[in-house]
C-alpha atoms as a PDB file:
ATOM      1  CA  UNK A   1       0.000   0.000   0.000  1.00  0.00           C
ATOM      2  CA  UNK A   2       1.455   3.406  -0.956  1.00  0.00           C
ATOM      3  CA  UNK A   3       2.545   5.698   1.829  1.00  0.00           C
ATOM      4  CA  UNK A   4       0.311   8.636   2.694  1.00  0.00           C
ATOM      5  CA  UNK A   5       1.864  12.037   3.289  1.00  0.00           C
ATOM      6  CA  UNK A   6       0.652  14.976   5.324  1.00  0.00           C
ATOM      7  CA  UNK A   7      -0.432  17.966   3.244  1.00  0.00           C
ATOM      8  CA  UNK A   8      -1.946  21.352   3.964  1.00  0.00           C
ATOM      9  CA  UNK A   9      -4.196  23.379   1.726  1.00  0.00           C
ATOM     10  CA  UNK A  10      -6.217  26.572   1.603  1.00  0.00           C
ATOM     11  CA  UNK A  11      -8.758  27.906  -0.850  1.00  0.00           C
ATOM     12  CA  UNK A  12      -8.020  31.157  -2.646  1.00  0.00           C
ATOM     13  CA  UNK A  13     -10.939  33.539  -2.534  1.00  0.00           C
ATOM     14  CA  UNK A  14     -12.047  36.709  -4.237  1.00  0.00           C
ATOM     15  CA  UNK A  15     -13.626  39.008  -1.666  1.00  0.00           C
ATOM     16  CA  UNK A  16     -15.129  41.983  -3.553  1.00  0.00           C
ATOM     17  CA  UNK A  17     -16.143  43.885  -0.411  1.00  0.00           C
ATOM     18  CA  UNK A  18     -13.885  42.922   2.444  1.00  0.00           C
ATOM     19  CA  UNK A  19     -16.156  44.521   5.044  1.00  0.00           C
ATOM     20  CA  UNK A  20     -19.010  42.166   4.073  1.00  0.00           C
ATOM     21  CA  UNK A  21     -16.828  39.031   4.158  1.00  0.00           C
ATOM     22  CA  UNK A  22     -18.645  37.514   1.159  1.00  0.00           C
ATOM     23  CA  UNK A  23     -16.429  35.535  -1.207  1.00  0.00           C
ATOM     24  CA  UNK A  24     -16.178  33.144  -4.133  1.00  0.00           C
ATOM     25  CA  UNK A  25     -13.552  30.400  -4.216  1.00  0.00           C
ATOM     26  CA  UNK A  26     -11.338  30.782  -7.281  1.00  0.00           C
ATOM     27  CA  UNK A  27      -8.407  28.516  -6.477  1.00  0.00           C
ATOM     28  CA  UNK A  28      -6.578  26.142  -4.159  1.00  0.00           C
ATOM     29  CA  UNK A  29      -3.013  26.162  -2.870  1.00  0.00           C
ATOM     30  CA  UNK A  30      -1.511  22.886  -1.623  1.00  0.00           C
ATOM     31  CA  UNK A  31       1.716  22.216   0.269  1.00  0.00           C
ATOM     32  CA  UNK A  32       3.135  18.717   0.864  1.00  0.00           C
ATOM     33  CA  UNK A  33       6.620  18.803   2.424  1.00  0.00           C
ATOM     34  CA  UNK A  34       7.318  15.075   1.936  1.00  0.00           C
ATOM     35  CA  UNK A  35       6.851  15.512  -1.836  1.00  0.00           C
ATOM     36  CA  UNK A  36       8.520  18.965  -1.998  1.00  0.00           C
ATOM     37  CA  UNK A  37       5.251  20.195  -3.449  1.00  0.00           C
ATOM     38  CA  UNK A  38       3.836  23.710  -3.424  1.00  0.00           C
ATOM     39  CA  UNK A  39       1.404  24.552  -6.201  1.00  0.00           C
ATOM     40  CA  UNK A  40      -1.778  26.419  -6.884  1.00  0.00           C
ATOM     41  CA  UNK A  41      -4.618  25.937  -9.332  1.00  0.00           C
ATOM     42  CA  UNK A  42      -7.124  28.673 -10.005  1.00  0.00           C
ATOM     43  CA  UNK A  43     -10.021  29.305 -12.330  1.00  0.00           C
ATOM     44  CA  UNK A  44     -11.255  32.863 -12.631  1.00  0.00           C
ATOM     45  CA  UNK A  45     -14.845  32.459 -13.837  1.00  0.00           C
ATOM     46  CA  UNK A  46     -15.611  36.044 -14.801  1.00  0.00           C
ATOM     47  CA  UNK A  47     -19.338  35.424 -15.364  1.00  0.00           C
ATOM     48  CA  UNK A  48     -19.789  34.182 -11.797  1.00  0.00           C
ATOM     49  CA  UNK A  49     -17.749  37.030 -10.381  1.00  0.00           C
ATOM     50  CA  UNK A  50     -19.655  39.659 -12.385  1.00  0.00           C
ATOM     51  CA  UNK A  51     -22.918  38.218 -11.075  1.00  0.00           C
ATOM     52  CA  UNK A  52     -21.458  38.453  -7.573  1.00  0.00           C
ATOM     53  CA  UNK A  53     -19.977  41.956  -7.933  1.00  0.00           C
ATOM     54  CA  UNK A  54     -19.901  44.237 -10.938  1.00  0.00           C
ATOM     55  CA  UNK A  55     -17.062  46.422  -9.591  1.00  0.00           C
ATOM     56  CA  UNK A  56     -14.139  43.990  -9.814  1.00  0.00           C
ATOM     57  CA  UNK A  57     -10.889  44.707 -11.652  1.00  0.00           C
ATOM     58  CA  UNK A  58     -10.241  41.361 -13.384  1.00  0.00           C
ATOM     59  CA  UNK A  59      -6.796  42.388 -14.600  1.00  0.00           C
ATOM     60  CA  UNK A  60      -5.692  43.102 -11.041  1.00  0.00           C
ATOM     61  CA  UNK A  61      -7.169  39.832  -9.753  1.00  0.00           C
ATOM     62  CA  UNK A  62      -5.431  37.839 -12.509  1.00  0.00           C
ATOM     63  CA  UNK A  63      -2.120  39.541 -11.677  1.00  0.00           C
ATOM     64  CA  UNK A  64      -2.482  38.671  -7.994  1.00  0.00           C
ATOM     65  CA  UNK A  65      -3.277  35.047  -8.819  1.00  0.00           C
ATOM     66  CA  UNK A  66      -0.243  34.848 -11.122  1.00  0.00           C
ATOM     67  CA  UNK A  67       1.898  36.088  -8.218  1.00  0.00           C
ATOM     68  CA  UNK A  68       0.635  33.083  -6.237  1.00  0.00           C
ATOM     69  CA  UNK A  69       1.867  30.839  -9.083  1.00  0.00           C
ATOM     70  CA  UNK A  70       5.242  32.579  -9.248  1.00  0.00           C
ATOM     71  CA  UNK A  71       5.808  32.343  -5.510  1.00  0.00           C
ATOM     72  CA  UNK A  72       4.840  28.657  -5.530  1.00  0.00           C
ATOM     73  CA  UNK A  73       7.277  27.991  -8.397  1.00  0.00           C
ATOM     74  CA  UNK A  74      10.046  29.720  -6.475  1.00  0.00           C
ATOM     75  CA  UNK A  75      13.128  31.463  -7.763  1.00  0.00           C
ATOM     76  CA  UNK A  76      13.692  35.060  -8.781  1.00  0.00           C
ATOM     77  CA  UNK A  77      10.393  35.382 -10.674  1.00  0.00           C
ATOM     78  CA  UNK A  78       8.658  35.010  -7.289  1.00  0.00           C
ATOM     79  CA  UNK A  79      10.569  37.957  -5.845  1.00  0.00           C
ATOM     80  CA  UNK A  80      12.028  37.882  -2.356  1.00  0.00           C
ATOM     81  CA  UNK A  81       9.255  35.605  -1.064  1.00  0.00           C
ATOM     82  CA  UNK A  82       9.778  33.184  -3.972  1.00  0.00           C
ATOM     83  CA  UNK A  83      13.327  32.559  -2.794  1.00  0.00           C
ATOM     84  CA  UNK A  84      12.280  31.384   0.673  1.00  0.00           C
ATOM     85  CA  UNK A  85      11.939  27.665   1.574  1.00  0.00           C
ATOM     86  CA  UNK A  86       8.656  25.959   0.575  1.00  0.00           C
ATOM     87  CA  UNK A  87       7.169  26.049   4.073  1.00  0.00           C
ATOM     88  CA  UNK A  88       7.849  29.777   4.446  1.00  0.00           C
ATOM     89  CA  UNK A  89       6.333  30.516   1.030  1.00  0.00           C
ATOM     90  CA  UNK A  90       3.195  28.557   1.909  1.00  0.00           C
ATOM     91  CA  UNK A  91       2.855  30.342   5.263  1.00  0.00           C
ATOM     92  CA  UNK A  92       3.320  33.739   3.587  1.00  0.00           C
ATOM     93  CA  UNK A  93       0.723  32.973   0.892  1.00  0.00           C
ATOM     94  CA  UNK A  94      -1.828  31.753   3.442  1.00  0.00           C
ATOM     95  CA  UNK A  95      -1.323  34.534   6.000  1.00  0.00           C
ATOM     96  CA  UNK A  96      -4.484  36.432   6.919  1.00  0.00           C
ATOM     97  CA  UNK A  97      -4.978  39.628   4.923  1.00  0.00           C
ATOM     98  CA  UNK A  98      -7.721  42.115   4.152  1.00  0.00           C
ATOM     99  CA  UNK A  99      -7.498  42.334   0.375  1.00  0.00           C
ATOM    100  CA  UNK A 100      -9.689  41.380  -2.568  1.00  0.00           C
ATOM    101  CA  UNK A 101      -7.683  38.139  -3.017  1.00  0.00           C
ATOM    102  CA  UNK A 102      -7.189  36.166   0.184  1.00  0.00           C
ATOM    103  CA  UNK A 103      -7.036  32.590   1.437  1.00  0.00           C
ATOM    104  CA  UNK A 104      -9.156  30.500   3.754  1.00  0.00           C
ATOM    105  CA  UNK A 105      -7.880  28.941   6.938  1.00  0.00           C
ATOM    106  CA  UNK A 106      -5.318  26.182   6.357  1.00  0.00           C
ATOM    107  CA  UNK A 107      -6.642  22.604   6.456  1.00  0.00           C
ATOM    108  CA  UNK A 108      -4.606  19.376   6.798  1.00  0.00           C
ATOM    109  CA  UNK A 109      -5.026  16.015   5.124  1.00  0.00           C
ATOM    110  CA  UNK A 110      -3.218  12.900   3.953  1.00  0.00           C
ATOM    111  CA  UNK A 111      -2.417  12.115   0.337  1.00  0.00           C
ATOM    112  CA  UNK A 112      -0.513   9.660  -1.810  1.00  0.00           C
ATOM    113  CA  UNK A 113      -0.073  11.982  -4.782  1.00  0.00           C
ATOM    114  CA  UNK A 114      -0.072  15.747  -4.165  1.00  0.00           C
ATOM    115  CA  UNK A 115      -0.791  16.589  -7.837  1.00  0.00           C
ATOM    116  CA  UNK A 116      -3.912  14.425  -7.852  1.00  0.00           C
ATOM    117  CA  UNK A 117      -5.021  15.791  -4.488  1.00  0.00           C
ATOM    118  CA  UNK A 118      -4.659  19.389  -5.689  1.00  0.00           C
ATOM    119  CA  UNK A 119      -6.694  18.583  -8.787  1.00  0.00           C
ATOM    120  CA  UNK A 120      -9.413  16.856  -6.716  1.00  0.00           C
ATOM    121  CA  UNK A 121      -9.653  19.747  -4.251  1.00  0.00           C
ATOM    122  CA  UNK A 122      -9.771  22.254  -7.105  1.00  0.00           C
ATOM    123  CA  UNK A 123     -12.674  20.347  -8.683  1.00  0.00           C
ATOM    124  CA  UNK A 124     -14.539  20.050  -5.366  1.00  0.00           C
ATOM    125  CA  UNK A 125     -14.011  23.548  -3.990  1.00  0.00           C
ATOM    126  CA  UNK A 126     -13.754  25.780  -7.061  1.00  0.00           C
ATOM    127  CA  UNK A 127     -15.403  24.280 -10.132  1.00  0.00           C
END
């Protein structure tokens, strides 16, 4: 039987009006230290977001989500944060913030394959 590894994940949310705390899930970020895995998947469904709030800047939201990807990938394209160890990058990305793009609380789980788990969570929580 394949070994299961501890992972942590959070949903990525668009919060059009932070003071109302209403949101739509647009992505998932998953960290699995045993597999040296830190990745995000997102799907910006503009029709749903427009129905939710007509005052969103989609270009800005897409840029912020791409920064999540760059930080997950690591290296210089992720800036100073992208050069930190995986665990530090995950903690920075999932830190509480009051912005239009934010993350949920972090949740743990066990997985065999982090890629498959990220895809499954993305399908369940976003699509």
